[in-house]
Amino acid sequence: MRKLVSLFSLTLLLQTFPNILQAQTPVNPIQQALDAGLMSNYPDGQFHPERKVMRAELAAIVVKTFQLEKRDTQQNPPVAITDVPPSHWAYNDIAIVLETGIMSGYRDGMFYPDRPVTRAEGFAIFAQAFGVLLFDEADVSSILSQYPDAAEIPDWARQAMATALFEGLVNVRPNNSLSPLEPMTRADIAYSLSRYLAKQENPGTIPDLPM
C-alpha cells in the first residue's frame, strides 16, 4: 500500500537523498533489460535503442515486468477493442493492461497498438504499473518544478510522472529537461527497467516514506 507523503516529509527526503538513485544507475541498462528477459533484440541481432516504443510493445513489457496477469481484475469488465485481433502478437498483453487499467483505449474503441508513446505517456504508464504514490498537488508541483519543461506534461500524467521521477525511473536529459512530448525510445524504457530491477535487488536503497 502506497503512503500519503506530506510536502514537509517530501522536501526533507529530497534534501537528504538527492543523488542516491542516480549514483546507482547500472552501467548498461540495455544489457540488464536483455539479461532479465524483459526486452529482446530485433531479428537482426541489434537492440536499436533509438527506435520508438509502440503501445503494443509497452503493453508487453509492463505485463512481463510486473506480472500483471496475476493481478485481480474480477471487478473490471473486459474491454472491447476493435483494432487488435486475437491473431495480433500482443493481443493477450493488451487485454491484460486494459483489464488492469494500466493502459486504456481511446474513445473510438481503438487501442492503436502501432502508435508511438511519448516519454510522458511511457513513464506514466510504467509508474502506474509500479504503483503511483499518493502525492498531493503541492508535492507533485514541488517535484516537477525542478525541470524546465515540466509544464508540457499532460495533466493526467503529472502524478504518475512525479512518482517516476521520485523513484528514479526517468532518464533525465543532460540539460535537466524531461522532454515529455518526445517519443519514448527503447533506450528510455530500458533505463526504467534497469532502475526497477535495481530496486528489486536492493530494496533498502530508498528509505521508507514517512506517514
Protein backbone atom coordinates (compact mmCIF):
# COMPACT_ATOMS: atom_id res chain seq x y z
CA MET A 1 0.00 0.00 0.00
CA ARG A 2 1.44 3.36 -1.03
CA LYS A 3 1.60 6.00 1.69
CA LEU A 4 0.49 9.61 1.55
CA VAL A 5 3.55 11.85 1.60
CA SER A 6 3.34 15.29 3.15
CA LEU A 7 5.08 18.22 1.49
CA PHE A 8 7.31 18.62 4.54
CA SER A 9 8.46 15.00 4.54
CA LEU A 10 8.92 15.02 0.78
CA THR A 11 11.09 18.12 0.98
CA LEU A 12 13.17 16.52 3.72
CA LEU A 13 13.71 13.38 1.65
CA LEU A 14 14.63 15.33 -1.46
CA GLN A 15 17.18 17.35 0.50
CA THR A 16 18.64 14.31 2.23
CA PHE A 17 18.79 11.87 -0.67
CA PRO A 18 19.14 13.98 -3.84
CA ASN A 19 21.52 11.77 -5.77
CA ILE A 20 21.15 8.31 -4.27
CA LEU A 21 19.38 6.73 -7.24
CA GLN A 22 21.47 8.40 -9.91
CA ALA A 23 24.65 7.19 -8.23
CA GLN A 24 23.46 3.58 -8.55
CA THR A 25 22.43 3.65 -12.19
CA PRO A 26 23.63 0.44 -13.88
CA VAL A 27 26.45 0.86 -16.37
CA ASN A 28 24.48 -0.81 -19.14
CA PRO A 29 20.70 -0.62 -18.67
CA ILE A 30 20.05 -2.17 -22.09
CA GLN A 31 22.09 -5.26 -21.31
CA GLN A 32 20.38 -5.59 -17.94
CA ALA A 33 16.94 -5.46 -19.58
CA LEU A 34 18.06 -8.08 -22.09
CA ASP A 35 19.57 -10.35 -19.46
CA ALA A 36 16.36 -10.18 -17.42
CA GLY A 37 14.34 -11.21 -20.47
CA LEU A 38 12.18 -8.10 -20.29
CA MET A 39 13.24 -6.89 -23.73
CA SER A 40 14.86 -8.58 -26.69
CA ASN A 41 16.90 -7.73 -29.74
CA TYR A 42 15.39 -7.47 -33.19
CA PRO A 43 15.80 -10.36 -35.65
CA ASP A 44 18.95 -8.69 -36.97
CA GLY A 45 20.56 -9.19 -33.56
CA GLN A 46 20.59 -5.47 -32.76
CA PHE A 47 18.73 -3.69 -29.96
CA HIS A 48 18.15 -0.42 -31.84
CA PRO A 49 17.95 1.81 -28.75
CA GLU A 50 16.92 4.81 -30.84
CA ARG A 51 13.71 3.24 -32.12
CA LYS A 52 10.37 4.45 -30.81
CA VAL A 53 8.36 2.35 -28.35
CA MET A 54 4.91 1.46 -29.68
CA ARG A 55 1.86 0.96 -27.48
CA ALA A 56 1.78 -2.78 -28.11
CA GLU A 57 5.44 -3.13 -27.18
CA LEU A 58 4.97 -1.13 -23.99
CA ALA A 59 1.97 -3.28 -23.04
CA ALA A 60 4.03 -6.44 -23.44
CA ILE A 61 6.91 -5.01 -21.41
CA VAL A 62 4.85 -3.89 -18.41
CA VAL A 63 2.87 -7.15 -18.33
CA LYS A 64 6.07 -9.19 -18.23
CA THR A 65 7.89 -6.87 -15.81
CA PHE A 66 5.12 -6.55 -13.24
CA GLN A 67 3.40 -9.90 -13.88
CA LEU A 68 0.13 -8.09 -14.44
CA GLU A 69 -1.61 -11.33 -15.40
CA LYS A 70 -1.58 -12.21 -11.69
CA ARG A 71 -3.45 -9.10 -10.60
CA ASP A 72 -7.09 -9.41 -9.67
CA THR A 73 -9.30 -7.99 -12.41
CA GLN A 74 -12.56 -9.66 -11.42
CA GLN A 75 -14.12 -6.28 -10.64
CA ASN A 76 -13.15 -4.91 -14.04
CA PRO A 77 -15.26 -5.83 -17.07
CA PRO A 78 -13.43 -6.95 -20.22
CA VAL A 79 -12.55 -4.07 -22.50
CA ALA A 80 -13.57 -4.45 -26.12
CA ILE A 81 -11.09 -3.20 -28.71
CA THR A 82 -11.64 -3.21 -32.44
CA ASP A 83 -8.16 -2.81 -33.89
CA VAL A 84 -6.34 -5.67 -32.12
CA PRO A 85 -7.49 -9.06 -33.44
CA PRO A 86 -6.81 -12.27 -31.48
CA SER A 87 -4.08 -13.06 -34.01
CA HIS A 88 -2.09 -9.96 -33.01
CA TRP A 89 1.21 -10.87 -31.32
CA ALA A 90 0.42 -8.70 -28.28
CA TYR A 91 -3.31 -9.45 -28.05
CA ASN A 92 -3.15 -11.09 -24.61
CA ASP A 93 -0.85 -8.43 -23.17
CA ILE A 94 -3.06 -5.64 -24.48
CA ALA A 95 -6.12 -7.30 -22.99
CA ILE A 96 -4.34 -7.51 -19.63
CA VAL A 97 -3.22 -3.88 -19.50
CA LEU A 98 -6.74 -2.80 -20.40
CA GLU A 99 -8.41 -5.03 -17.80
CA THR A 100 -5.98 -3.94 -15.08
CA GLY A 101 -6.39 -0.28 -16.02
CA ILE A 102 -2.64 0.19 -16.54
CA MET A 103 -3.35 1.39 -20.07
CA SER A 104 -6.57 2.48 -21.68
CA GLY A 105 -8.10 2.54 -25.11
CA TYR A 106 -9.42 5.53 -26.97
CA ARG A 107 -12.99 6.80 -27.16
CA ASP A 108 -13.43 5.31 -30.60
CA GLY A 109 -12.85 1.82 -29.20
CA MET A 110 -9.37 1.62 -30.66
CA PHE A 111 -6.08 0.81 -28.94
CA TYR A 112 -3.73 1.86 -31.75
CA PRO A 113 -1.06 -0.77 -31.00
CA ASP A 114 1.41 0.65 -33.51
CA ARG A 115 1.20 4.23 -32.26
CA PRO A 116 4.40 5.55 -30.60
CA VAL A 117 4.13 6.64 -26.99
CA THR A 118 5.61 9.89 -25.72
CA ARG A 119 8.04 9.95 -22.82
CA ALA A 120 5.32 11.38 -20.59
CA GLU A 121 2.93 8.58 -21.56
CA GLY A 122 5.54 5.85 -21.30
CA PHE A 123 6.96 6.82 -17.92
CA ALA A 124 3.47 7.48 -16.53
CA ILE A 125 2.26 4.04 -17.64
CA PHE A 126 5.37 2.42 -16.17
CA ALA A 127 4.75 4.25 -12.88
CA GLN A 128 1.10 3.18 -12.97
CA ALA A 129 2.19 -0.45 -13.12
CA PHE A 130 4.85 0.15 -10.47
CA GLY A 131 2.39 1.88 -8.12
CA VAL A 132 1.66 5.61 -8.10
CA LEU A 133 2.48 7.41 -4.87
CA LEU A 134 -0.37 9.36 -3.33
CA PHE A 135 1.26 12.75 -3.64
CA ASP A 136 -0.94 15.77 -3.16
CA GLU A 137 -0.76 18.57 -5.73
CA ALA A 138 1.78 20.55 -3.67
CA ASP A 139 4.13 17.55 -3.65
CA VAL A 140 3.66 16.98 -7.37
CA SER A 141 4.40 20.62 -8.11
CA SER A 142 7.46 20.52 -5.85
CA ILE A 143 8.92 17.55 -7.73
CA LEU A 144 8.11 18.79 -11.22
CA SER A 145 9.27 22.36 -10.56
CA GLN A 146 12.88 21.18 -10.82
CA TYR A 147 12.50 20.59 -14.58
CA PRO A 148 12.21 23.49 -17.06
CA ASP A 149 9.78 21.74 -19.42
CA ALA A 150 7.53 20.10 -16.81
CA ALA A 151 4.62 22.30 -17.93
CA GLU A 152 4.45 20.18 -21.10
CA ILE A 153 3.38 17.11 -19.11
CA PRO A 154 -0.35 16.40 -19.66
CA ASP A 155 -2.44 16.91 -16.54
CA TRP A 156 -3.46 13.24 -16.36
CA ALA A 157 0.21 12.17 -16.24
CA ARG A 158 1.51 14.64 -13.63
CA GLN A 159 1.14 12.49 -10.51
CA ALA A 160 2.46 9.37 -12.23
CA MET A 161 5.40 11.30 -13.68
CA ALA A 162 6.13 12.74 -10.23
CA THR A 163 6.23 9.17 -8.91
CA ALA A 164 8.53 8.03 -11.71
CA LEU A 165 10.89 10.93 -11.02
CA PHE A 166 10.84 10.46 -7.27
CA GLU A 167 11.62 6.77 -7.69
CA GLY A 168 14.44 7.50 -10.14
CA LEU A 169 12.81 5.73 -13.08
CA VAL A 170 13.31 8.55 -15.59
CA ASN A 171 16.49 9.21 -17.57
CA VAL A 172 16.50 12.99 -17.31
CA ARG A 173 18.16 14.78 -20.21
CA PRO A 174 21.59 16.45 -19.73
CA ASN A 175 20.01 19.92 -19.61
CA ASN A 176 17.73 18.69 -16.80
CA SER A 177 14.75 18.55 -19.14
CA LEU A 178 12.19 15.77 -19.27
CA SER A 179 11.30 16.08 -22.97
CA PRO A 180 7.83 14.76 -22.10
CA LEU A 181 6.37 15.14 -25.58
CA GLU A 182 9.23 13.47 -27.42
CA PRO A 183 8.74 9.83 -28.45
CA MET A 184 9.87 7.30 -25.87
CA THR A 185 12.75 5.22 -27.21
CA ARG A 186 13.75 1.67 -26.44
CA ALA A 187 16.73 3.10 -24.55
CA ASP A 188 14.34 5.14 -22.38
CA ILE A 189 12.26 2.15 -21.31
CA ALA A 190 15.40 0.05 -20.81
CA TYR A 191 16.57 2.68 -18.32
CA SER A 192 13.29 2.41 -16.37
CA LEU A 193 13.58 -1.36 -16.37
CA SER A 194 17.15 -1.24 -15.09
CA ARG A 195 16.16 1.07 -12.24
CA TYR A 196 13.23 -1.15 -11.33
CA LEU A 197 15.46 -4.23 -11.33
CA ALA A 198 17.98 -2.43 -9.12
CA LYS A 199 15.21 -1.70 -6.63
CA GLN A 200 14.18 -5.34 -6.62
CA GLU A 201 17.74 -6.42 -5.92
CA ASN A 202 18.39 -3.81 -3.25
CA PRO A 203 15.07 -2.52 -1.84
CA GLY A 204 16.87 -0.81 1.04
CA THR A 205 18.37 1.83 -1.23
CA ILE A 206 15.47 4.20 -0.63
CA PRO A 207 14.15 4.81 2.88
CA ASP A 208 10.54 4.04 3.66
CA LEU A 209 8.34 7.03 3.09
CA PRO A 210 7.08 8.54 6.34
CA MET A 211 3.37 8.57 7.06
